[in-house]
PDB file of N, CA and C in Angstrom:
ATOM      1  N   MET A   1       0.970  -1.549  -0.055  1.00  0.00           N
ATOM      2  CA  MET A   1      -0.182  -0.285  -0.202  1.00  0.00           C
ATOM      3  C   MET A   1       0.762   1.121  -0.126  1.00  0.00           C
ATOM      4  N   ASP A   2       0.704   2.378  -1.133  1.00  0.00           N
ATOM      5  CA  ASP A   2       1.646   3.605  -1.077  1.00  0.00           C
ATOM      6  C   ASP A   2       0.542   4.740   0.293  1.00  0.00           C
ATOM      7  N   ALA A   3       1.632   5.489   0.076  1.00  0.00           N
ATOM      8  CA  ALA A   3       0.931   6.537   1.205  1.00  0.00           C
ATOM      9  C   ALA A   3       0.278   7.658   0.718  1.00  0.00           C
ATOM     10  N   GLN A   4      -0.672   7.464  -0.052  1.00  0.00           N
ATOM     11  CA  GLN A   4      -1.241   8.655  -1.061  1.00  0.00           C
ATOM     12  C   GLN A   4      -2.833   8.970   0.539  1.00  0.00           C
ATOM     13  N   TYR A   5      -2.549  10.434   0.637  1.00  0.00           N
ATOM     14  CA  TYR A   5      -3.853  10.888   1.145  1.00  0.00           C
ATOM     15  C   TYR A   5      -3.887  11.873   0.384  1.00  0.00           C
ATOM     16  N   THR A   6      -5.273  13.074   1.053  1.00  0.00           N
ATOM     17  CA  THR A   6      -5.214  14.123   0.568  1.00  0.00           C
ATOM     18  C   THR A   6      -5.769  14.823   1.849  1.00  0.00           C
ATOM     19  N   LEU A   7      -5.356  16.283   1.605  1.00  0.00           N
ATOM     20  CA  LEU A   7      -5.640  17.281   2.738  1.00  0.00           C
ATOM     21  C   LEU A   7      -6.250  18.672   1.849  1.00  0.00           C
ATOM     22  N   LYS A   8      -7.086  18.440   2.153  1.00  0.00           N
ATOM     23  CA  LYS A   8      -8.353  19.602   1.564  1.00  0.00           C
ATOM     24  C   LYS A   8      -8.690  20.652   2.288  1.00  0.00           C
ATOM     25  N   ALA A   9      -8.509  22.188   2.258  1.00  0.00           N
ATOM     26  CA  ALA A   9      -8.974  23.079   2.798  1.00  0.00           C
ATOM     27  C   ALA A   9      -9.833  24.108   1.930  1.00  0.00           C
ATOM     28  N   GLN A  10     -11.013  24.218   2.961  1.00  0.00           N
ATOM     29  CA  GLN A  10     -12.122  25.155   2.538  1.00  0.00           C
ATOM     30  C   GLN A  10     -12.586  26.201   3.822  1.00  0.00           C
ATOM     31  N   LYS A  11     -13.062  27.130   3.320  1.00  0.00           N
ATOM     32  CA  LYS A  11     -13.772  27.763   4.316  1.00  0.00           C
ATOM     33  C   LYS A  11     -15.226  27.290   4.472  1.00  0.00           C
ATOM     34  N   ALA A  12     -15.484  27.429   5.830  1.00  0.00           N
ATOM     35  CA  ALA A  12     -17.152  26.715   5.933  1.00  0.00           C
ATOM     36  C   ALA A  12     -17.767  27.764   6.642  1.00  0.00           C
ATOM     37  N   LYS A  13     -18.532  27.593   7.075  1.00  0.00           N
ATOM     38  CA  LYS A  13     -19.704  28.682   7.672  1.00  0.00           C
ATOM     39  C   LYS A  13     -18.974  29.693   8.851  1.00  0.00           C
ATOM     40  N   GLN A  14     -19.632  31.172   8.424  1.00  0.00           N
ATOM     41  CA  GLN A  14     -19.388  31.910   9.740  1.00  0.00           C
ATOM     42  C   GLN A  14     -17.973  31.971   9.731  1.00  0.00           C
ATOM     43  N   GLY A  15     -16.872  31.917   8.646  1.00  0.00           N
ATOM     44  CA  GLY A  15     -15.318  31.892   8.766  1.00  0.00           C
ATOM     45  C   GLY A  15     -14.772  30.516   8.885  1.00  0.00           C
ATOM     46  N   GLN A  16     -15.256  29.470   9.519  1.00  0.00           N
ATOM     47  CA  GLN A  16     -14.667  28.285  10.458  1.00  0.00           C
ATOM     48  C   GLN A  16     -13.821  27.703   9.149  1.00  0.00           C
ATOM     49  N   GLN A  17     -12.787  27.287   9.448  1.00  0.00           N
ATOM     50  CA  GLN A  17     -12.001  26.659   8.289  1.00  0.00           C
ATOM     51  C   GLN A  17     -12.302  25.188   8.729  1.00  0.00           C
ATOM     52  N   GLN A  18     -12.479  24.675   7.408  1.00  0.00           N
ATOM     53  CA  GLN A  18     -12.429  23.323   7.376  1.00  0.00           C
ATOM     54  C   GLN A  18     -11.594  22.374   6.888  1.00  0.00           C
ATOM     55  N   LEU A  19     -10.873  21.382   7.465  1.00  0.00           N
ATOM     56  CA  LEU A  19      -9.959  20.497   6.586  1.00  0.00           C
ATOM     57  C   LEU A  19     -10.089  19.314   6.229  1.00  0.00           C
ATOM     58  N   THR A  20     -10.474  18.601   5.238  1.00  0.00           N
ATOM     59  CA  THR A  20     -10.868  17.151   5.557  1.00  0.00           C
ATOM     60  C   THR A  20      -9.510  16.357   4.986  1.00  0.00           C
ATOM     61  N   LEU A  21      -9.095  15.570   5.487  1.00  0.00           N
ATOM     62  CA  LEU A  21      -8.287  14.143   5.113  1.00  0.00           C
ATOM     63  C   LEU A  21      -8.988  13.355   4.940  1.00  0.00           C
ATOM     64  N   SER A  22      -8.319  12.358   3.773  1.00  0.00           N
ATOM     65  CA  SER A  22      -8.572  11.153   3.349  1.00  0.00           C
ATOM     66  C   SER A  22      -7.869  10.537   2.487  1.00  0.00           C
ATOM     67  N   GLY A  23      -8.060   9.258   2.744  1.00  0.00           N
ATOM     68  CA  GLY A  23      -6.917   8.488   1.829  1.00  0.00           C
ATOM     69  C   GLY A  23      -6.319   7.495   3.043  1.00  0.00           C
ATOM     70  N   ASN A  24      -4.915   7.026   2.749  1.00  0.00           N
ATOM     71  CA  ASN A  24      -4.351   6.379   3.817  1.00  0.00           C
ATOM     72  C   ASN A  24      -3.826   7.342   5.084  1.00  0.00           C
ATOM     73  N   LEU A  25      -4.127   7.222   6.217  1.00  0.00           N
ATOM     74  CA  LEU A  25      -3.796   7.926   7.411  1.00  0.00           C
ATOM     75  C   LEU A  25      -3.383   7.138   8.199  1.00  0.00           C
ATOM     76  N   SER A  26      -2.523   6.240   7.440  1.00  0.00           N
ATOM     77  CA  SER A  26      -1.415   5.591   8.382  1.00  0.00           C
ATOM     78  C   SER A  26      -0.075   6.115   8.654  1.00  0.00           C
ATOM     79  N   LEU A  27       0.893   5.750   9.101  1.00  0.00           N
ATOM     80  CA  LEU A  27       2.333   5.676   9.542  1.00  0.00           C
ATOM     81  C   LEU A  27       2.761   6.146   8.301  1.00  0.00           C
ATOM     82  N   ASN A  28       2.582   5.502   7.310  1.00  0.00           N
ATOM     83  CA  ASN A  28       3.637   5.852   6.189  1.00  0.00           C
ATOM     84  C   ASN A  28       3.091   7.301   5.671  1.00  0.00           C
ATOM     85  N   SER A  29       2.153   7.717   6.009  1.00  0.00           N
ATOM     86  CA  SER A  29       1.410   8.933   5.323  1.00  0.00           C
ATOM     87  C   SER A  29       1.717  10.200   5.994  1.00  0.00           C
ATOM     88  N   LEU A  30       2.089   9.993   7.791  1.00  0.00           N
ATOM     89  CA  LEU A  30       2.289  10.817   8.363  1.00  0.00           C
ATOM     90  C   LEU A  30       2.977  12.201   8.906  1.00  0.00           C
ATOM     91  N   ALA A  31       4.455  11.876   7.763  1.00  0.00           N
ATOM     92  CA  ALA A  31       5.535  12.779   8.101  1.00  0.00           C
ATOM     93  C   ALA A  31       4.542  13.870   6.881  1.00  0.00           C
ATOM     94  N   GLY A  32       4.099  13.819   5.899  1.00  0.00           N
ATOM     95  CA  GLY A  32       3.233  14.250   4.854  1.00  0.00           C
ATOM     96  C   GLY A  32       2.617  15.273   5.508  1.00  0.00           C
ATOM     97  N   ILE A  33       1.421  14.432   6.201  1.00  0.00           N
ATOM     98  CA  ILE A  33      -0.054  15.526   6.828  1.00  0.00           C
ATOM     99  C   ILE A  33       0.664  15.966   7.565  1.00  0.00           C
ATOM    100  N   LYS A  34       1.865  15.984   8.580  1.00  0.00           N
ATOM    101  CA  LYS A  34       2.062  16.749   9.426  1.00  0.00           C
ATOM    102  C   LYS A  34       2.444  18.521   9.029  1.00  0.00           C
ATOM    103  N   GLN A  35       3.235  17.829   7.823  1.00  0.00           N
ATOM    104  CA  GLN A  35       4.146  18.995   7.488  1.00  0.00           C
ATOM    105  C   GLN A  35       2.155  20.124   6.308  1.00  0.00           C
ATOM    106  N   GLU A  36       1.919  18.904   5.766  1.00  0.00           N
ATOM    107  CA  GLU A  36       0.600  19.779   5.541  1.00  0.00           C
ATOM    108  C   GLU A  36      -0.067  20.861   6.846  1.00  0.00           C
ATOM    109  N   LEU A  37       0.079  20.352   7.890  1.00  0.00           N
ATOM    110  CA  LEU A  37      -0.722  20.997   8.892  1.00  0.00           C
ATOM    111  C   LEU A  37      -0.143  22.155   9.407  1.00  0.00           C
ATOM    112  N   LEU A  38       1.124  21.785   9.468  1.00  0.00           N
ATOM    113  CA  LEU A  38       1.638  23.339   9.839  1.00  0.00           C
ATOM    114  C   LEU A  38       1.430  24.489   9.694  1.00  0.00           C
ATOM    115  N   PRO A  39       1.179  25.035   8.142  1.00  0.00           N
ATOM    116  CA  PRO A  39       1.013  26.372   8.219  1.00  0.00           C
ATOM    117  C   PRO A  39      -0.673  26.767   8.873  1.00  0.00           C
ATOM    118  N   TYR A  40      -1.253  25.580   9.398  1.00  0.00           N
ATOM    119  CA  TYR A  40      -2.688  25.967  10.166  1.00  0.00           C
ATOM    120  C   TYR A  40      -2.493  26.273  11.638  1.00  0.00           C
ATOM    121  N   ILE A  41      -1.139  25.610  12.170  1.00  0.00           N
ATOM    122  CA  ILE A  41      -1.117  26.125  13.140  1.00  0.00           C
ATOM    123  C   ILE A  41      -0.950  27.476  13.808  1.00  0.00           C
ATOM    124  N   GLY A  42      -1.550  28.171  14.716  1.00  0.00           N
ATOM    125  CA  GLY A  42      -1.337  29.589  15.039  1.00  0.00           C
ATOM    126  C   GLY A  42      -2.844  30.496  14.791  1.00  0.00           C
ATOM    127  N   LYS A  43      -3.023  29.836  13.007  1.00  0.00           N
ATOM    128  CA  LYS A  43      -4.343  30.416  12.844  1.00  0.00           C
ATOM    129  C   LYS A  43      -5.635  30.918  13.630  1.00  0.00           C
ATOM    130  N   LYS A  44      -6.005  31.637  13.702  1.00  0.00           N
ATOM    131  CA  LYS A  44      -7.188  32.223  14.559  1.00  0.00           C
ATOM    132  C   LYS A  44      -8.684  31.681  14.141  1.00  0.00           C
ATOM    133  N   GLY A  45      -9.643  31.421  14.850  1.00  0.00           N
ATOM    134  CA  GLY A  45     -10.561  31.235  14.652  1.00  0.00           C
ATOM    135  C   GLY A  45     -11.051  29.375  14.699  1.00  0.00           C
ATOM    136  N   PRO A  46     -12.077  29.397  14.875  1.00  0.00           N
ATOM    137  CA  PRO A  46     -12.798  27.973  14.750  1.00  0.00           C
ATOM    138  C   PRO A  46     -12.186  27.145  13.893  1.00  0.00           C
ATOM    139  N   MET A  47     -11.971  25.785  13.946  1.00  0.00           N
ATOM    140  CA  MET A  47     -11.466  24.810  12.696  1.00  0.00           C
ATOM    141  C   MET A  47     -11.822  23.575  13.441  1.00  0.00           C
ATOM    142  N   GLN A  48     -12.423  23.102  11.744  1.00  0.00           N
ATOM    143  CA  GLN A  48     -12.778  21.582  11.598  1.00  0.00           C
ATOM    144  C   GLN A  48     -12.408  20.472  10.648  1.00  0.00           C
ATOM    145  N   ILE A  49     -11.611  19.148  11.270  1.00  0.00           N
ATOM    146  CA  ILE A  49     -10.999  18.524  10.994  1.00  0.00           C
ATOM    147  C   ILE A  49     -12.005  17.296  10.740  1.00  0.00           C
ATOM    148  N   ALA A  50     -11.984  17.087   9.442  1.00  0.00           N
ATOM    149  CA  ALA A  50     -13.251  16.040   9.099  1.00  0.00           C
ATOM    150  C   ALA A  50     -12.211  14.510   8.357  1.00  0.00           C
ATOM    151  N   LEU A  51     -12.312  13.434   9.170  1.00  0.00           N
ATOM    152  CA  LEU A  51     -11.922  12.326   8.658  1.00  0.00           C
ATOM    153  C   LEU A  51     -12.562  11.461   7.834  1.00  0.00           C
ATOM    154  N   THR A  52     -12.939  11.864   5.748  1.00  0.00           N
ATOM    155  CA  THR A  52     -13.781  10.811   5.181  1.00  0.00           C
ATOM    156  C   THR A  52     -12.794  10.086   4.046  1.00  0.00           C
ATOM    157  N   GLU A  53     -13.533   8.959   3.489  1.00  0.00           N
ATOM    158  CA  GLU A  53     -13.039   8.000   2.806  1.00  0.00           C
ATOM    159  C   GLU A  53     -11.681   7.791   2.837  1.00  0.00           C
ATOM    160  N   VAL A  54     -11.534   7.063   4.341  1.00  0.00           N
ATOM    161  CA  VAL A  54     -10.512   7.026   4.779  1.00  0.00           C
ATOM    162  C   VAL A  54      -9.792   4.994   4.091  1.00  0.00           C
ATOM    163  N   GLU A  55      -9.221   4.879   3.583  1.00  0.00           N
ATOM    164  CA  GLU A  55      -8.428   3.809   3.203  1.00  0.00           C
ATOM    165  C   GLU A  55      -7.997   2.671   4.357  1.00  0.00           C
ATOM    166  N   ALA A  56      -7.403   3.387   4.990  1.00  0.00           N
ATOM    167  CA  ALA A  56      -6.359   3.191   6.162  1.00  0.00           C
ATOM    168  C   ALA A  56      -6.370   4.360   7.330  1.00  0.00           C
ATOM    169  N   ILE A  57      -6.103   3.537   8.589  1.00  0.00           N
ATOM    170  CA  ILE A  57      -5.979   4.369   9.922  1.00  0.00           C
ATOM    171  C   ILE A  57      -4.987   3.601  10.782  1.00  0.00           C
ATOM    172  N   ASP A  58      -4.484   4.526  11.643  1.00  0.00           N
ATOM    173  CA  ASP A  58      -3.499   3.946  12.573  1.00  0.00           C
ATOM    174  C   ASP A  58      -3.533   4.944  13.994  1.00  0.00           C
ATOM    175  N   LEU A  59      -3.324   4.736  15.238  1.00  0.00           N
ATOM    176  CA  LEU A  59      -2.977   5.149  16.386  1.00  0.00           C
ATOM    177  C   LEU A  59      -2.112   6.742  15.708  1.00  0.00           C
ATOM    178  N   GLY A  60      -1.603   6.802  14.960  1.00  0.00           N
ATOM    179  CA  GLY A  60      -0.407   7.520  14.732  1.00  0.00           C
ATOM    180  C   GLY A  60      -1.212   9.074  14.274  1.00  0.00           C
ATOM    181  N   ILE A  61      -2.251   8.567  13.216  1.00  0.00           N
ATOM    182  CA  ILE A  61      -3.179  10.057  13.135  1.00  0.00           C
ATOM    183  C   ILE A  61      -3.555  10.486  13.918  1.00  0.00           C
ATOM    184  N   PHE A  62      -4.088   9.631  15.200  1.00  0.00           N
ATOM    185  CA  PHE A  62      -4.822  10.398  16.510  1.00  0.00           C
ATOM    186  C   PHE A  62      -3.592  11.089  17.259  1.00  0.00           C
ATOM    187  N   GLN A  63      -2.865  10.756  17.458  1.00  0.00           N
ATOM    188  CA  GLN A  63      -1.511  11.244  18.096  1.00  0.00           C
ATOM    189  C   GLN A  63      -1.428  12.470  17.202  1.00  0.00           C
ATOM    190  N   LEU A  64      -0.970  12.310  16.201  1.00  0.00           N
ATOM    191  CA  LEU A  64      -1.122  13.728  15.289  1.00  0.00           C
ATOM    192  C   LEU A  64      -2.289  14.861  15.439  1.00  0.00           C
ATOM    193  N   LEU A  65      -2.926  14.502  15.159  1.00  0.00           N
ATOM    194  CA  LEU A  65      -4.432  15.601  15.219  1.00  0.00           C
ATOM    195  C   LEU A  65      -4.974  15.962  16.709  1.00  0.00           C
ATOM    196  N   GLN A  66      -4.370  14.990  17.393  1.00  0.00           N
ATOM    197  CA  GLN A  66      -4.262  15.254  19.386  1.00  0.00           C
ATOM    198  C   GLN A  66      -3.557  16.423  19.732  1.00  0.00           C
ATOM    199  N   ALA A  67      -2.279  16.401  18.934  1.00  0.00           N
ATOM    200  CA  ALA A  67      -0.834  17.127  18.950  1.00  0.00           C
ATOM    201  C   ALA A  67      -1.569  18.642  18.329  1.00  0.00           C
ATOM    202  N   PHE A  68      -2.270  18.743  17.246  1.00  0.00           N
ATOM    203  CA  PHE A  68      -2.307  19.606  16.432  1.00  0.00           C
ATOM    204  C   PHE A  68      -4.121  20.609  17.569  1.00  0.00           C
ATOM    205  N   VAL A  69      -4.789  19.360  17.954  1.00  0.00           N
ATOM    206  CA  VAL A  69      -5.811  20.083  18.745  1.00  0.00           C
ATOM    207  C   VAL A  69      -5.170  21.450  19.708  1.00  0.00           C
ATOM    208  N   TRP A  70      -4.375  20.766  20.601  1.00  0.00           N
ATOM    209  CA  TRP A  70      -3.437  21.172  21.642  1.00  0.00           C
ATOM    210  C   TRP A  70      -2.765  22.778  21.373  1.00  0.00           C
ATOM    211  N   ALA A  71      -2.353  22.311  19.887  1.00  0.00           N
ATOM    212  CA  ALA A  71      -1.380  23.332  19.671  1.00  0.00           C
ATOM    213  C   ALA A  71      -2.257  24.188  19.412  1.00  0.00           C
ATOM    214  N   GLN A  72      -3.607  24.642  18.800  1.00  0.00           N
ATOM    215  CA  GLN A  72      -4.454  25.352  18.222  1.00  0.00           C
ATOM    216  C   GLN A  72      -5.033  25.865  19.469  1.00  0.00           C
ATOM    217  N   LYS A  73      -5.190  25.347  20.801  1.00  0.00           N
ATOM    218  CA  LYS A  73      -6.133  25.701  22.027  1.00  0.00           C
ATOM    219  C   LYS A  73      -4.674  26.670  22.443  1.00  0.00           C
ATOM    220  N   ALA A  74      -3.565  25.998  22.660  1.00  0.00           N
ATOM    221  CA  ALA A  74      -2.782  27.345  22.897  1.00  0.00           C
ATOM    222  C   ALA A  74      -2.605  29.001  22.628  1.00  0.00           C
ATOM    223  N   HIS A  75      -3.163  28.951  20.971  1.00  0.00           N
ATOM    224  CA  HIS A  75      -2.909  29.869  20.281  1.00  0.00           C
ATOM    225  C   HIS A  75      -4.705  30.431  20.730  1.00  0.00           C
ATOM    226  N   GLY A  76      -5.267  29.560  21.586  1.00  0.00           N
ATOM    227  CA  GLY A  76      -6.341  30.575  21.880  1.00  0.00           C
ATOM    228  C   GLY A  76      -7.770  30.081  20.589  1.00  0.00           C
ATOM    229  N   SER A  77      -7.419  28.662  19.476  1.00  0.00           N
ATOM    230  CA  SER A  77      -8.599  28.354  19.151  1.00  0.00           C
ATOM    231  C   SER A  77      -8.803  27.167  19.071  1.00  0.00           C
ATOM    232  N   GLU A  78     -10.024  26.908  19.005  1.00  0.00           N
ATOM    233  CA  GLU A  78     -10.444  25.758  18.704  1.00  0.00           C
ATOM    234  C   GLU A  78     -10.691  24.310  17.987  1.00  0.00           C
ATOM    235  N   VAL A  79     -10.286  23.253  18.045  1.00  0.00           N
ATOM    236  CA  VAL A  79     -10.530  22.493  16.907  1.00  0.00           C
ATOM    237  C   VAL A  79     -11.978  21.222  17.467  1.00  0.00           C
ATOM    238  N   GLU A  80     -12.680  20.733  16.566  1.00  0.00           N
ATOM    239  CA  GLU A  80     -13.284  19.819  16.509  1.00  0.00           C
ATOM    240  C   GLU A  80     -13.261  18.685  14.797  1.00  0.00           C
ATOM    241  N   VAL A  81     -12.734  17.579  15.591  1.00  0.00           N
ATOM    242  CA  VAL A  81     -12.230  16.940  14.841  1.00  0.00           C
ATOM    243  C   VAL A  81     -13.473  15.424  14.646  1.00  0.00           C
ATOM    244  N   THR A  82     -13.989  15.571  13.317  1.00  0.00           N
ATOM    245  CA  THR A  82     -15.013  14.546  13.178  1.00  0.00           C
ATOM    246  C   THR A  82     -14.460  13.185  12.188  1.00  0.00           C
ATOM    247  N   LEU A  83     -15.486  11.955  12.378  1.00  0.00           N
ATOM    248  CA  LEU A  83     -14.344  10.554  11.880  1.00  0.00           C
ATOM    249  C   LEU A  83     -15.998  10.605  11.190  1.00  0.00           C
ATOM    250  N   ASN A  84     -15.799  10.298  10.037  1.00  0.00           N
ATOM    251  CA  ASN A  84     -16.479   9.576   8.834  1.00  0.00           C
ATOM    252  C   ASN A  84     -15.645   8.273   8.146  1.00  0.00           C
ATOM    253  N   LEU A  85     -15.937   7.314   9.339  1.00  0.00           N
ATOM    254  CA  LEU A  85     -15.012   6.207   8.978  1.00  0.00           C
ATOM    255  C   LEU A  85     -16.314   4.971   8.362  1.00  0.00           C
ATOM    256  N   PRO A  86     -15.471   3.724   7.763  1.00  0.00           N
ATOM    257  CA  PRO A  86     -16.321   2.860   7.212  1.00  0.00           C
ATOM    258  C   PRO A  86     -16.745   2.425   8.874  1.00  0.00           C
ATOM    259  N   PRO A  87     -17.834   1.398   8.640  1.00  0.00           N
ATOM    260  CA  PRO A  87     -18.488   0.648   9.790  1.00  0.00           C
ATOM    261  C   PRO A  87     -17.047  -0.139  10.411  1.00  0.00           C
ATOM    262  N   ASP A  88     -16.329  -0.934   9.976  1.00  0.00           N
ATOM    263  CA  ASP A  88     -14.902  -1.821  10.445  1.00  0.00           C
ATOM    264  C   ASP A  88     -14.450  -1.180  11.029  1.00  0.00           C
ATOM    265  N   GLN A  89     -13.673  -0.171  10.352  1.00  0.00           N
ATOM    266  CA  GLN A  89     -12.706   0.769  11.137  1.00  0.00           C
ATOM    267  C   GLN A  89     -13.194   1.919  12.472  1.00  0.00           C
ATOM    268  N   GLN A  90     -14.595   2.260  12.672  1.00  0.00           N
ATOM    269  CA  GLN A  90     -15.459   2.918  14.022  1.00  0.00           C
ATOM    270  C   GLN A  90     -15.032   2.240  14.225  1.00  0.00           C
ATOM    271  N   GLN A  91     -15.675   0.730  14.573  1.00  0.00           N
ATOM    272  CA  GLN A  91     -15.630  -0.231  15.316  1.00  0.00           C
ATOM    273  C   GLN A  91     -14.575  -0.967  16.126  1.00  0.00           C
ATOM    274  N   LEU A  92     -13.143   0.040  15.280  1.00  0.00           N
ATOM    275  CA  LEU A  92     -12.244  -0.824  15.890  1.00  0.00           C
ATOM    276  C   LEU A  92     -11.439   0.266  16.783  1.00  0.00           C
ATOM    277  N   ILE A  93     -11.701   1.513  16.270  1.00  0.00           N
ATOM    278  CA  ILE A  93     -11.671   2.954  17.142  1.00  0.00           C
ATOM    279  C   ILE A  93     -12.435   2.758  18.679  1.00  0.00           C
ATOM    280  N   ASP A  94     -13.484   2.664  18.324  1.00  0.00           N
ATOM    281  CA  ASP A  94     -14.799   2.465  19.648  1.00  0.00           C
ATOM    282  C   ASP A  94     -13.579   1.006  20.348  1.00  0.00           C
ATOM    283  N   ILE A  95     -13.668   0.355  20.041  1.00  0.00           N
ATOM    284  CA  ILE A  95     -13.119  -0.717  20.944  1.00  0.00           C
ATOM    285  C   ILE A  95     -11.695  -0.490  22.046  1.00  0.00           C
ATOM    286  N   SER A  96     -10.846   0.735  20.656  1.00  0.00           N
ATOM    287  CA  SER A  96      -9.681   0.379  21.308  1.00  0.00           C
ATOM    288  C   SER A  96      -9.855   1.911  22.182  1.00  0.00           C
ATOM    289  N   GLY A  97     -10.703   2.353  22.388  1.00  0.00           N
ATOM    290  CA  GLY A  97     -11.017   3.738  23.557  1.00  0.00           C
ATOM    291  C   GLY A  97     -10.201   4.907  22.664  1.00  0.00           C
ATOM    292  N   VAL A  98      -9.479   5.097  21.619  1.00  0.00           N
ATOM    293  CA  VAL A  98      -8.791   6.320  21.330  1.00  0.00           C
ATOM    294  C   VAL A  98      -9.902   7.676  21.254  1.00  0.00           C
ATOM    295  N   SER A  99      -9.852   8.543  21.847  1.00  0.00           N
ATOM    296  CA  SER A  99     -10.384   9.875  21.204  1.00  0.00           C
ATOM    297  C   SER A  99      -9.153  11.032  20.857  1.00  0.00           C
ATOM    298  N   ILE A 100      -9.865  12.227  20.572  1.00  0.00           N
ATOM    299  CA  ILE A 100      -9.341  13.157  20.411  1.00  0.00           C
ATOM    300  C   ILE A 100      -9.964  14.468  21.605  1.00  0.00           C
ATOM    301  N   LYS A 101      -8.934  14.577  22.704  1.00  0.00           N
ATOM    302  CA  LYS A 101      -9.620  16.113  23.485  1.00  0.00           C
ATOM    303  C   LYS A 101      -9.112  17.341  22.710  1.00  0.00           C
ATOM    304  N   SER A 102     -10.438  17.690  23.300  1.00  0.00           N
ATOM    305  CA  SER A 102     -10.109  19.177  22.982  1.00  0.00           C
ATOM    306  C   SER A 102      -9.646  20.265  24.104  1.00  0.00           C
TER     307      SER A 102
END
C-alpha cells in the first residue's frame, strides 16, 4: 500500500476553516500530513478537521491530530475533529477507546 492521502482546505460557515483528510492515514502518510498541517497552527478562529473516505488508519493519526488540537488551543483557537469512518474501522476505534480531546 502506498502513502497516498489528500488534505483539502476550505472555508466553512461563519469563517470556520474546514480541513478534510482522506485516503491512507497510516504511519506511511504521517510525515506528509504533519507538513501540510503546520501552516494552520496559530491560525485564529474555529477549525474543523473531518476524516472521510479513509482507506487505512492507525493510532499515529490520532496522536498527530491530538497534538494539533492542543497547539491550536494554546493559540486560543478551538478545533473539532469528526470521524466519518467505515463501520469496521469505527468499530476498531470504539473498542480501542482512542479519542481526541479538546
